[in-house]
């Protein structure tokens, strides 16, 4: 799985399950980090050692779009909106695609 695919799938997870703040996962959705982890393995609970590299690569690129904030802190800011989360993922996916095209 490519990093751009992880980011794209994280966006899909958020649309399917809902976006939340304050926890990786609840019955009503997942946070941004939870969505990235779920994108790789289907659940953040089942990540294998090899999956961590994909999660880290995706989070590194997403992190370039959060203004220097860690992903959990950025996600949980009180004024954060779902649209902002999706916008960050859209930008991060484009960056990942550009990086992959340059390889």
PDB file of N, CA and C in Angstrom:
ATOM      1  N   UNK A   1       0.849  -1.173   0.000  1.00  0.00           N
ATOM      2  CA  UNK A   1       0.000   0.000   0.000  1.00  0.00           C
ATOM      3  C   UNK A   1       0.898   1.241   0.000  1.00  0.00           C
ATOM      4  N   UNK A   2       0.578   2.189  -0.847  1.00  0.00           N
ATOM      5  CA  UNK A   2       1.328   3.443  -0.918  1.00  0.00           C
ATOM      6  C   UNK A   2       0.817   4.421   0.141  1.00  0.00           C
ATOM      7  N   UNK A   3       1.662   5.364   0.483  1.00  0.00           N
ATOM      8  CA  UNK A   3       1.281   6.383   1.466  1.00  0.00           C
ATOM      9  C   UNK A   3       0.063   7.164   1.002  1.00  0.00           C
ATOM     10  N   UNK A   4       0.010   7.520  -0.271  1.00  0.00           N
ATOM     11  CA  UNK A   4      -1.146   8.263  -0.786  1.00  0.00           C
ATOM     12  C   UNK A   4      -2.430   7.444  -0.632  1.00  0.00           C
ATOM     13  N   UNK A   5      -2.325   6.135  -0.773  1.00  0.00           N
ATOM     14  CA  UNK A   5      -3.499   5.267  -0.617  1.00  0.00           C
ATOM     15  C   UNK A   5      -3.954   5.208   0.834  1.00  0.00           C
ATOM     16  N   UNK A   6      -3.004   5.224   1.757  1.00  0.00           N
ATOM     17  CA  UNK A   6      -3.346   5.247   3.176  1.00  0.00           C
ATOM     18  C   UNK A   6      -4.114   6.529   3.496  1.00  0.00           C
ATOM     19  N   UNK A   7      -3.619   7.650   2.995  1.00  0.00           N
ATOM     20  CA  UNK A   7      -4.262   8.939   3.264  1.00  0.00           C
ATOM     21  C   UNK A   7      -5.658   8.980   2.640  1.00  0.00           C
ATOM     22  N   UNK A   8      -5.786   8.491   1.423  1.00  0.00           N
ATOM     23  CA  UNK A   8      -7.086   8.449   0.743  1.00  0.00           C
ATOM     24  C   UNK A   8      -8.061   7.566   1.518  1.00  0.00           C
ATOM     25  N   UNK A   9      -7.594   6.425   1.969  1.00  0.00           N
ATOM     26  CA  UNK A   9      -8.457   5.516   2.723  1.00  0.00           C
ATOM     27  C   UNK A   9      -8.822   6.106   4.079  1.00  0.00           C
ATOM     28  N   UNK A  10      -7.908   6.856   4.699  1.00  0.00           N
ATOM     29  CA  UNK A  10      -8.227   7.528   5.968  1.00  0.00           C
ATOM     30  C   UNK A  10      -9.392   8.495   5.768  1.00  0.00           C
ATOM     31  N   UNK A  11      -9.383   9.207   4.658  1.00  0.00           N
ATOM     32  CA  UNK A  11     -10.491  10.117   4.342  1.00  0.00           C
ATOM     33  C   UNK A  11     -11.794   9.315   4.209  1.00  0.00           C
ATOM     34  N   UNK A  12     -11.723   8.179   3.508  1.00  0.00           N
ATOM     35  CA  UNK A  12     -12.903   7.331   3.351  1.00  0.00           C
ATOM     36  C   UNK A  12     -13.423   6.840   4.696  1.00  0.00           C
ATOM     37  N   UNK A  13     -12.506   6.460   5.574  1.00  0.00           N
ATOM     38  CA  UNK A  13     -12.888   5.999   6.915  1.00  0.00           C
ATOM     39  C   UNK A  13     -13.648   7.096   7.651  1.00  0.00           C
ATOM     40  N   UNK A  14     -13.170   8.323   7.562  1.00  0.00           N
ATOM     41  CA  UNK A  14     -13.842   9.434   8.248  1.00  0.00           C
ATOM     42  C   UNK A  14     -15.237   9.682   7.685  1.00  0.00           C
ATOM     43  N   UNK A  15     -15.383   9.583   6.377  1.00  0.00           N
ATOM     44  CA  UNK A  15     -16.708   9.767   5.782  1.00  0.00           C
ATOM     45  C   UNK A  15     -17.650   8.620   6.159  1.00  0.00           C
ATOM     46  N   UNK A  16     -17.120   7.416   6.228  1.00  0.00           N
ATOM     47  CA  UNK A  16     -17.954   6.255   6.541  1.00  0.00           C
ATOM     48  C   UNK A  16     -18.317   6.154   8.022  1.00  0.00           C
ATOM     49  N   UNK A  17     -17.348   6.416   8.887  1.00  0.00           N
ATOM     50  CA  UNK A  17     -17.551   6.173  10.315  1.00  0.00           C
ATOM     51  C   UNK A  17     -17.852   7.424  11.114  1.00  0.00           C
ATOM     52  N   UNK A  18     -17.496   8.582  10.570  1.00  0.00           N
ATOM     53  CA  UNK A  18     -17.676   9.834  11.289  1.00  0.00           C
ATOM     54  C   UNK A  18     -16.373  10.279  11.931  1.00  0.00           C
ATOM     55  N   UNK A  19     -16.273  11.571  12.165  1.00  0.00           N
ATOM     56  CA  UNK A  19     -15.074  12.174  12.756  1.00  0.00           C
ATOM     57  C   UNK A  19     -15.375  12.591  14.184  1.00  0.00           C
ATOM     58  N   UNK A  20     -14.434  12.320  15.089  1.00  0.00           N
ATOM     59  CA  UNK A  20     -14.597  12.685  16.496  1.00  0.00           C
ATOM     60  C   UNK A  20     -13.337  13.377  17.002  1.00  0.00           C
ATOM     61  N   UNK A  21     -13.457  13.919  18.174  1.00  0.00           N
ATOM     62  CA  UNK A  21     -12.325  14.510  18.877  1.00  0.00           C
ATOM     63  C   UNK A  21     -12.229  13.866  20.254  1.00  0.00           C
ATOM     64  N   UNK A  22     -11.000  13.823  20.795  1.00  0.00           N
ATOM     65  CA  UNK A  22     -10.816  13.387  22.168  1.00  0.00           C
ATOM     66  C   UNK A  22     -10.589  11.904  22.394  1.00  0.00           C
ATOM     67  N   UNK A  23     -10.645  11.112  21.350  1.00  0.00           N
ATOM     68  CA  UNK A  23     -10.401   9.665  21.476  1.00  0.00           C
ATOM     69  C   UNK A  23     -10.029   9.125  20.107  1.00  0.00           C
ATOM     70  N   UNK A  24      -9.290   8.014  20.078  1.00  0.00           N
ATOM     71  CA  UNK A  24      -8.981   7.380  18.796  1.00  0.00           C
ATOM     72  C   UNK A  24     -10.249   6.887  18.117  1.00  0.00           C
ATOM     73  N   UNK A  25     -11.129   6.288  18.903  1.00  0.00           N
ATOM     74  CA  UNK A  25     -12.329   5.675  18.337  1.00  0.00           C
ATOM     75  C   UNK A  25     -13.424   5.628  19.391  1.00  0.00           C
ATOM     76  N   UNK A  26     -14.623   5.881  18.933  1.00  0.00           N
ATOM     77  CA  UNK A  26     -15.823   5.674  19.740  1.00  0.00           C
ATOM     78  C   UNK A  26     -16.892   5.114  18.808  1.00  0.00           C
ATOM     79  N   UNK A  27     -18.028   4.843  19.345  1.00  0.00           N
ATOM     80  CA  UNK A  27     -19.107   4.293  18.522  1.00  0.00           C
ATOM     81  C   UNK A  27     -19.533   5.271  17.425  1.00  0.00           C
ATOM     82  N   UNK A  28     -19.341   6.564  17.673  1.00  0.00           N
ATOM     83  CA  UNK A  28     -19.778   7.573  16.708  1.00  0.00           C
ATOM     84  C   UNK A  28     -18.681   8.027  15.752  1.00  0.00           C
ATOM     85  N   UNK A  29     -17.500   7.382  15.773  1.00  0.00           N
ATOM     86  CA  UNK A  29     -16.486   7.743  14.795  1.00  0.00           C
ATOM     87  C   UNK A  29     -15.065   7.509  15.272  1.00  0.00           C
ATOM     88  N   UNK A  30     -14.143   8.082  14.495  1.00  0.00           N
ATOM     89  CA  UNK A  30     -12.707   7.996  14.778  1.00  0.00           C
ATOM     90  C   UNK A  30     -12.096   9.379  14.603  1.00  0.00           C
ATOM     91  N   UNK A  31     -10.958   9.596  15.270  1.00  0.00           N
ATOM     92  CA  UNK A  31     -10.221  10.834  15.076  1.00  0.00           C
ATOM     93  C   UNK A  31      -9.323  10.692  13.847  1.00  0.00           C
ATOM     94  N   UNK A  32      -8.612  11.733  13.505  1.00  0.00           N
ATOM     95  CA  UNK A  32      -7.734  11.701  12.341  1.00  0.00           C
ATOM     96  C   UNK A  32      -6.692  10.597  12.473  1.00  0.00           C
ATOM     97  N   UNK A  33      -6.041  10.517  13.606  1.00  0.00           N
ATOM     98  CA  UNK A  33      -5.030   9.469  13.805  1.00  0.00           C
ATOM     99  C   UNK A  33      -5.667   8.079  13.754  1.00  0.00           C
ATOM    100  N   UNK A  34      -6.813   7.923  14.374  1.00  0.00           N
ATOM    101  CA  UNK A  34      -7.527   6.652  14.326  1.00  0.00           C
ATOM    102  C   UNK A  34      -7.902   6.268  12.913  1.00  0.00           C
ATOM    103  N   UNK A  35      -8.255   7.255  12.091  1.00  0.00           N
ATOM    104  CA  UNK A  35      -8.606   6.991  10.694  1.00  0.00           C
ATOM    105  C   UNK A  35      -7.396   6.500   9.913  1.00  0.00           C
ATOM    106  N   UNK A  36      -6.229   7.097  10.159  1.00  0.00           N
ATOM    107  CA  UNK A  36      -5.002   6.659   9.479  1.00  0.00           C
ATOM    108  C   UNK A  36      -4.674   5.227   9.877  1.00  0.00           C
ATOM    109  N   UNK A  37      -4.736   4.939  11.161  1.00  0.00           N
ATOM    110  CA  UNK A  37      -4.439   3.580  11.622  1.00  0.00           C
ATOM    111  C   UNK A  37      -5.439   2.568  11.059  1.00  0.00           C
ATOM    112  N   UNK A  38      -6.700   2.928  11.051  1.00  0.00           N
ATOM    113  CA  UNK A  38      -7.736   2.049  10.522  1.00  0.00           C
ATOM    114  C   UNK A  38      -7.555   1.841   9.026  1.00  0.00           C
ATOM    115  N   UNK A  39      -7.088   2.855   8.330  1.00  0.00           N
ATOM    116  CA  UNK A  39      -6.868   2.754   6.877  1.00  0.00           C
ATOM    117  C   UNK A  39      -5.855   1.675   6.547  1.00  0.00           C
ATOM    118  N   UNK A  40      -4.890   1.480   7.411  1.00  0.00           N
ATOM    119  CA  UNK A  40      -3.820   0.514   7.145  1.00  0.00           C
ATOM    120  C   UNK A  40      -4.262  -0.919   7.427  1.00  0.00           C
ATOM    121  N   UNK A  41      -4.981  -1.135   8.520  1.00  0.00           N
ATOM    122  CA  UNK A  41      -5.254  -2.510   8.936  1.00  0.00           C
ATOM    123  C   UNK A  41      -6.739  -2.793   9.170  1.00  0.00           C
ATOM    124  N   UNK A  42      -7.598  -1.804   9.089  1.00  0.00           N
ATOM    125  CA  UNK A  42      -9.008  -2.032   9.358  1.00  0.00           C
ATOM    126  C   UNK A  42      -9.410  -1.691  10.782  1.00  0.00           C
ATOM    127  N   UNK A  43      -8.429  -1.569  11.663  1.00  0.00           N
ATOM    128  CA  UNK A  43      -8.661  -1.170  13.047  1.00  0.00           C
ATOM    129  C   UNK A  43      -7.318  -0.795  13.661  1.00  0.00           C
ATOM    130  N   UNK A  44      -7.312   0.226  14.472  1.00  0.00           N
ATOM    131  CA  UNK A  44      -6.055   0.601  15.129  1.00  0.00           C
ATOM    132  C   UNK A  44      -5.618  -0.464  16.128  1.00  0.00           C
ATOM    133  N   UNK A  45      -6.518  -1.345  16.512  1.00  0.00           N
ATOM    134  CA  UNK A  45      -6.187  -2.386  17.482  1.00  0.00           C
ATOM    135  C   UNK A  45      -5.323  -3.498  16.908  1.00  0.00           C
ATOM    136  N   UNK A  46      -5.317  -3.635  15.597  1.00  0.00           N
ATOM    137  CA  UNK A  46      -4.653  -4.778  14.978  1.00  0.00           C
ATOM    138  C   UNK A  46      -3.407  -4.410  14.193  1.00  0.00           C
ATOM    139  N   UNK A  47      -2.796  -3.291  14.483  1.00  0.00           N
ATOM    140  CA  UNK A  47      -1.599  -2.884  13.756  1.00  0.00           C
ATOM    141  C   UNK A  47      -0.451  -3.837  14.047  1.00  0.00           C
ATOM    142  N   UNK A  48       0.231  -4.205  12.995  1.00  0.00           N
ATOM    143  CA  UNK A  48       1.417  -5.045  13.112  1.00  0.00           C
ATOM    144  C   UNK A  48       2.642  -4.144  12.989  1.00  0.00           C
ATOM    145  N   UNK A  49       3.799  -4.650  13.357  1.00  0.00           N
ATOM    146  CA  UNK A  49       5.021  -3.856  13.292  1.00  0.00           C
ATOM    147  C   UNK A  49       5.247  -3.266  11.903  1.00  0.00           C
ATOM    148  N   UNK A  50       4.980  -4.043  10.866  1.00  0.00           N
ATOM    149  CA  UNK A  50       5.191  -3.551   9.501  1.00  0.00           C
ATOM    150  C   UNK A  50       4.221  -2.437   9.138  1.00  0.00           C
ATOM    151  N   UNK A  51       3.049  -2.404   9.780  1.00  0.00           N
ATOM    152  CA  UNK A  51       2.057  -1.364   9.507  1.00  0.00           C
ATOM    153  C   UNK A  51       2.490  -0.012  10.060  1.00  0.00           C
ATOM    154  N   UNK A  52       3.290  -0.031  11.111  1.00  0.00           N
ATOM    155  CA  UNK A  52       3.695   1.209  11.765  1.00  0.00           C
ATOM    156  C   UNK A  52       4.451   2.115  10.792  1.00  0.00           C
ATOM    157  N   UNK A  53       5.242   1.540   9.902  1.00  0.00           N
ATOM    158  CA  UNK A  53       5.972   2.336   8.914  1.00  0.00           C
ATOM    159  C   UNK A  53       5.008   3.097   8.013  1.00  0.00           C
ATOM    160  N   UNK A  54       3.945   2.437   7.573  1.00  0.00           N
ATOM    161  CA  UNK A  54       2.943   3.103   6.732  1.00  0.00           C
ATOM    162  C   UNK A  54       2.214   4.201   7.501  1.00  0.00           C
ATOM    163  N   UNK A  55       1.839   3.916   8.726  1.00  0.00           N
ATOM    164  CA  UNK A  55       1.165   4.909   9.562  1.00  0.00           C
ATOM    165  C   UNK A  55       2.072   6.118   9.756  1.00  0.00           C
ATOM    166  N   UNK A  56       3.335   5.870  10.108  1.00  0.00           N
ATOM    167  CA  UNK A  56       4.276   6.972  10.332  1.00  0.00           C
ATOM    168  C   UNK A  56       4.492   7.797   9.079  1.00  0.00           C
ATOM    169  N   UNK A  57       4.619   7.138   7.926  1.00  0.00           N
ATOM    170  CA  UNK A  57       4.827   7.866   6.670  1.00  0.00           C
ATOM    171  C   UNK A  57       3.627   8.762   6.364  1.00  0.00           C
ATOM    172  N   UNK A  58       2.429   8.229   6.537  1.00  0.00           N
ATOM    173  CA  UNK A  58       1.226   9.029   6.288  1.00  0.00           C
ATOM    174  C   UNK A  58       1.123  10.179   7.287  1.00  0.00           C
ATOM    175  N   UNK A  59       1.380   9.901   8.549  1.00  0.00           N
ATOM    176  CA  UNK A  59       1.290  10.949   9.566  1.00  0.00           C
ATOM    177  C   UNK A  59       2.361  12.018   9.381  1.00  0.00           C
ATOM    178  N   UNK A  60       3.536  11.637   8.904  1.00  0.00           N
ATOM    179  CA  UNK A  60       4.578  12.632   8.625  1.00  0.00           C
ATOM    180  C   UNK A  60       4.106  13.626   7.573  1.00  0.00           C
ATOM    181  N   UNK A  61       3.479  13.120   6.527  1.00  0.00           N
ATOM    182  CA  UNK A  61       3.007  14.008   5.458  1.00  0.00           C
ATOM    183  C   UNK A  61       1.811  14.824   5.937  1.00  0.00           C
ATOM    184  N   UNK A  62       0.886  14.200   6.625  1.00  0.00           N
ATOM    185  CA  UNK A  62      -0.267  14.934   7.163  1.00  0.00           C
ATOM    186  C   UNK A  62       0.223  16.025   8.113  1.00  0.00           C
ATOM    187  N   UNK A  63       1.227  15.692   8.910  1.00  0.00           N
ATOM    188  CA  UNK A  63       1.774  16.650   9.867  1.00  0.00           C
ATOM    189  C   UNK A  63       2.339  17.907   9.233  1.00  0.00           C
ATOM    190  N   UNK A  64       2.759  17.825   7.972  1.00  0.00           N
ATOM    191  CA  UNK A  64       3.257  19.026   7.299  1.00  0.00           C
ATOM    192  C   UNK A  64       2.141  20.027   7.045  1.00  0.00           C
ATOM    193  N   UNK A  65       0.886  19.597   7.181  1.00  0.00           N
ATOM    194  CA  UNK A  65      -0.259  20.454   6.900  1.00  0.00           C
ATOM    195  C   UNK A  65      -0.983  20.956   8.148  1.00  0.00           C
ATOM    196  N   UNK A  66      -0.465  20.613   9.326  1.00  0.00           N
ATOM    197  CA  UNK A  66      -1.150  20.988  10.568  1.00  0.00           C
ATOM    198  C   UNK A  66      -0.518  22.189  11.266  1.00  0.00           C
ATOM    199  N   UNK A  67       0.343  22.895  10.577  1.00  0.00           N
ATOM    200  CA  UNK A  67       0.943  24.085  11.162  1.00  0.00           C
ATOM    201  C   UNK A  67       1.905  23.799  12.294  1.00  0.00           C
ATOM    202  N   UNK A  68       2.526  22.639  12.283  1.00  0.00           N
ATOM    203  CA  UNK A  68       3.488  22.285  13.312  1.00  0.00           C
ATOM    204  C   UNK A  68       2.893  21.596  14.522  1.00  0.00           C
ATOM    205  N   UNK A  69       1.583  21.461  14.568  1.00  0.00           N
ATOM    206  CA  UNK A  69       0.924  20.780  15.678  1.00  0.00           C
ATOM    207  C   UNK A  69       0.993  19.271  15.478  1.00  0.00           C
ATOM    208  N   UNK A  70       1.068  18.529  16.567  1.00  0.00           N
ATOM    209  CA  UNK A  70       0.950  17.075  16.462  1.00  0.00           C
ATOM    210  C   UNK A  70      -0.462  16.765  15.969  1.00  0.00           C
ATOM    211  N   UNK A  71      -0.620  15.637  15.315  1.00  0.00           N
ATOM    212  CA  UNK A  71      -1.925  15.289  14.756  1.00  0.00           C
ATOM    213  C   UNK A  71      -3.002  15.196  15.839  1.00  0.00           C
ATOM    214  N   UNK A  72      -2.755  14.524  16.970  1.00  0.00           N
ATOM    215  CA  UNK A  72      -3.809  14.475  17.994  1.00  0.00           C
ATOM    216  C   UNK A  72      -4.184  15.858  18.544  1.00  0.00           C
ATOM    217  N   UNK A  73      -3.175  16.687  18.793  1.00  0.00           N
ATOM    218  CA  UNK A  73      -3.447  18.029  19.312  1.00  0.00           C
ATOM    219  C   UNK A  73      -4.225  18.845  18.297  1.00  0.00           C
ATOM    220  N   UNK A  74      -3.796  18.809  17.042  1.00  0.00           N
ATOM    221  CA  UNK A  74      -4.467  19.554  15.978  1.00  0.00           C
ATOM    222  C   UNK A  74      -5.904  19.076  15.820  1.00  0.00           C
ATOM    223  N   UNK A  75      -6.101  17.762  15.793  1.00  0.00           N
ATOM    224  CA  UNK A  75      -7.435  17.176  15.632  1.00  0.00           C
ATOM    225  C   UNK A  75      -8.368  17.614  16.755  1.00  0.00           C
ATOM    226  N   UNK A  76      -7.846  17.688  17.978  1.00  0.00           N
ATOM    227  CA  UNK A  76      -8.688  17.910  19.150  1.00  0.00           C
ATOM    228  C   UNK A  76      -8.899  19.372  19.513  1.00  0.00           C
ATOM    229  N   UNK A  77      -8.338  20.301  18.753  1.00  0.00           N
ATOM    230  CA  UNK A  77      -8.572  21.720  19.030  1.00  0.00           C
ATOM    231  C   UNK A  77     -10.070  22.004  18.943  1.00  0.00           C
ATOM    232  N   UNK A  78     -10.566  22.743  19.902  1.00  0.00           N
ATOM    233  CA  UNK A  78     -11.998  22.996  20.004  1.00  0.00           C
ATOM    234  C   UNK A  78     -12.634  23.598  18.769  1.00  0.00           C
ATOM    235  N   UNK A  79     -11.888  24.410  18.049  1.00  0.00           N
ATOM    236  CA  UNK A  79     -12.453  25.077  16.875  1.00  0.00           C
ATOM    237  C   UNK A  79     -12.312  24.257  15.590  1.00  0.00           C
ATOM    238  N   UNK A  80     -11.675  23.100  15.679  1.00  0.00           N
ATOM    239  CA  UNK A  80     -11.434  22.268  14.495  1.00  0.00           C
ATOM    240  C   UNK A  80     -12.748  21.804  13.885  1.00  0.00           C
ATOM    241  N   UNK A  81     -12.802  21.743  12.555  1.00  0.00           N
ATOM    242  CA  UNK A  81     -14.001  21.268  11.874  1.00  0.00           C
ATOM    243  C   UNK A  81     -13.667  20.055  11.004  1.00  0.00           C
ATOM    244  N   UNK A  82     -14.693  19.308  10.694  1.00  0.00           N
ATOM    245  CA  UNK A  82     -14.544  18.158   9.812  1.00  0.00           C
ATOM    246  C   UNK A  82     -14.001  18.599   8.455  1.00  0.00           C
ATOM    247  N   UNK A  83     -14.498  19.717   7.940  1.00  0.00           N
ATOM    248  CA  UNK A  83     -14.023  20.220   6.645  1.00  0.00           C
ATOM    249  C   UNK A  83     -12.529  20.510   6.659  1.00  0.00           C
ATOM    250  N   UNK A  84     -12.017  21.033   7.765  1.00  0.00           N
ATOM    251  CA  UNK A  84     -10.583  21.296   7.879  1.00  0.00           C
ATOM    252  C   UNK A  84      -9.780  19.999   7.868  1.00  0.00           C
ATOM    253  N   UNK A  85     -10.293  18.983   8.530  1.00  0.00           N
ATOM    254  CA  UNK A  85      -9.617  17.684   8.552  1.00  0.00           C
ATOM    255  C   UNK A  85      -9.542  17.118   7.142  1.00  0.00           C
ATOM    256  N   UNK A  86     -10.646  17.176   6.420  1.00  0.00           N
ATOM    257  CA  UNK A  86     -10.680  16.662   5.048  1.00  0.00           C
ATOM    258  C   UNK A  86      -9.753  17.479   4.154  1.00  0.00           C
ATOM    259  N   UNK A  87      -9.711  18.780   4.333  1.00  0.00           N
ATOM    260  CA  UNK A  87      -8.822  19.638   3.540  1.00  0.00           C
ATOM    261  C   UNK A  87      -7.352  19.258   3.759  1.00  0.00           C
ATOM    262  N   UNK A  88      -6.981  19.002   5.002  1.00  0.00           N
ATOM    263  CA  UNK A  88      -5.613  18.581   5.308  1.00  0.00           C
ATOM    264  C   UNK A  88      -5.305  17.246   4.630  1.00  0.00           C
ATOM    265  N   UNK A  89      -6.246  16.323   4.674  1.00  0.00           N
ATOM    266  CA  UNK A  89      -6.030  15.028   4.015  1.00  0.00           C
ATOM    267  C   UNK A  89      -5.912  15.185   2.501  1.00  0.00           C
ATOM    268  N   UNK A  90      -6.727  16.050   1.920  1.00  0.00           N
ATOM    269  CA  UNK A  90      -6.642  16.289   0.470  1.00  0.00           C
ATOM    270  C   UNK A  90      -5.261  16.815   0.083  1.00  0.00           C
ATOM    271  N   UNK A  91      -4.776  17.792   0.831  1.00  0.00           N
ATOM    272  CA  UNK A  91      -3.454  18.362   0.557  1.00  0.00           C
ATOM    273  C   UNK A  91      -2.353  17.334   0.777  1.00  0.00           C
ATOM    274  N   UNK A  92      -2.461  16.576   1.857  1.00  0.00           N
ATOM    275  CA  UNK A  92      -1.450  15.562   2.163  1.00  0.00           C
ATOM    276  C   UNK A  92      -1.420  14.476   1.091  1.00  0.00           C
ATOM    277  N   UNK A  93      -2.576  14.085   0.595  1.00  0.00           N
ATOM    278  CA  UNK A  93      -2.620  13.067  -0.460  1.00  0.00           C
ATOM    279  C   UNK A  93      -1.897  13.554  -1.718  1.00  0.00           C
ATOM    280  N   UNK A  94      -2.107  14.802  -2.076  1.00  0.00           N
ATOM    281  CA  UNK A  94      -1.423  15.361  -3.253  1.00  0.00           C
ATOM    282  C   UNK A  94       0.092  15.376  -3.055  1.00  0.00           C
ATOM    283  N   UNK A  95       0.531  15.741  -1.872  1.00  0.00           N
ATOM    284  CA  UNK A  95       1.966  15.741  -1.579  1.00  0.00           C
ATOM    285  C   UNK A  95       2.516  14.322  -1.677  1.00  0.00           C
ATOM    286  N   UNK A  96       1.810  13.361  -1.101  1.00  0.00           N
ATOM    287  CA  UNK A  96       2.256  11.961  -1.160  1.00  0.00           C
ATOM    288  C   UNK A  96       2.330  11.480  -2.601  1.00  0.00           C
ATOM    289  N   UNK A  97       1.342  11.812  -3.415  1.00  0.00           N
ATOM    290  CA  UNK A  97       1.359  11.409  -4.827  1.00  0.00           C
ATOM    291  C   UNK A  97       2.549  12.013  -5.557  1.00  0.00           C
ATOM    292  N   UNK A  98       2.848  13.278  -5.274  1.00  0.00           N
ATOM    293  CA  UNK A  98       3.997  13.923  -5.892  1.00  0.00           C
ATOM    294  C   UNK A  98       5.302  13.242  -5.478  1.00  0.00           C
ATOM    295  N   UNK A  99       5.401  12.908  -4.206  1.00  0.00           N
ATOM    296  CA  UNK A  99       6.601  12.223  -3.716  1.00  0.00           C
ATOM    297  C   UNK A  99       6.740  10.844  -4.354  1.00  0.00           C
ATOM    298  N   UNK A 100       5.640  10.140  -4.489  1.00  0.00           N
ATOM    299  CA  UNK A 100       5.667   8.805  -5.098  1.00  0.00           C
ATOM    300  C   UNK A 100       6.013   8.873  -6.583  1.00  0.00           C
ATOM    301  N   UNK A 101       5.561   9.914  -7.251  1.00  0.00           N
ATOM    302  CA  UNK A 101       5.855  10.074  -8.672  1.00  0.00           C
ATOM    303  C   UNK A 101       7.340  10.374  -8.881  1.00  0.00           C
ATOM    304  N   UNK A 102       7.969  11.001  -7.893  1.00  0.00           N
ATOM    305  CA  UNK A 102       9.377  11.338  -7.983  1.00  0.00           C
ATOM    306  C   UNK A 102      10.306  10.191  -7.649  1.00  0.00           C
ATOM    307  N   UNK A 103       9.773   9.091  -7.163  1.00  0.00           N
ATOM    308  CA  UNK A 103      10.606   7.955  -6.759  1.00  0.00           C
ATOM    309  C   UNK A 103      11.077   7.150  -7.937  1.00  0.00           C
TER     310      UNK A 103
END
